[in-house]
Amino acid sequence: MLAHGGLRDEQPLGDRGAQTVGSRGEQLPRVALIGATRGQVRATMRVEAILVAAISMVFGVLVAIPPLMGMSYGISGQPVPAMPVLGSLAIIGGMGALALVALRVATGAALRRRPIEEIGSRE
């Protein structure tokens, strides 16, 4: 149940991350034009992705706890749900990994073209 609640809340994370990188498609080449290397841009995006994924996973789990407690109390009479911890952690970790992969692919796509060609191409 924790996995289901977390998955429901976390599902858009990869899509939103890719959209964020896509909307910054003009910002990334400008950073490259002022002297940042592709590695530096990727490192920055990686740190942002890790922070966003971690915060989203924490809030996703926190949002899922009250409904889980209510269902557990209604079904078993105990407020603490009985669920496999390892399985829940694997699903939460998988969601975070999916978000990181989505942002890495989007960043790579944004950095494929030469910076000077990318500036103004979306206007």
Foldseek 3Di string as FASTA:
>chain_A
DLLVQLCVQLVCLLVVLLVVLVVCLLVLLVVVVVPDDLVRSLVVLLVVLLVSLVVSLVVSSVVPLVVQQVVCCVPPVGSDDDDDPVVSVVSSVVSSVSNSVSNNVSSCVSPPDRSVVRNPPVD
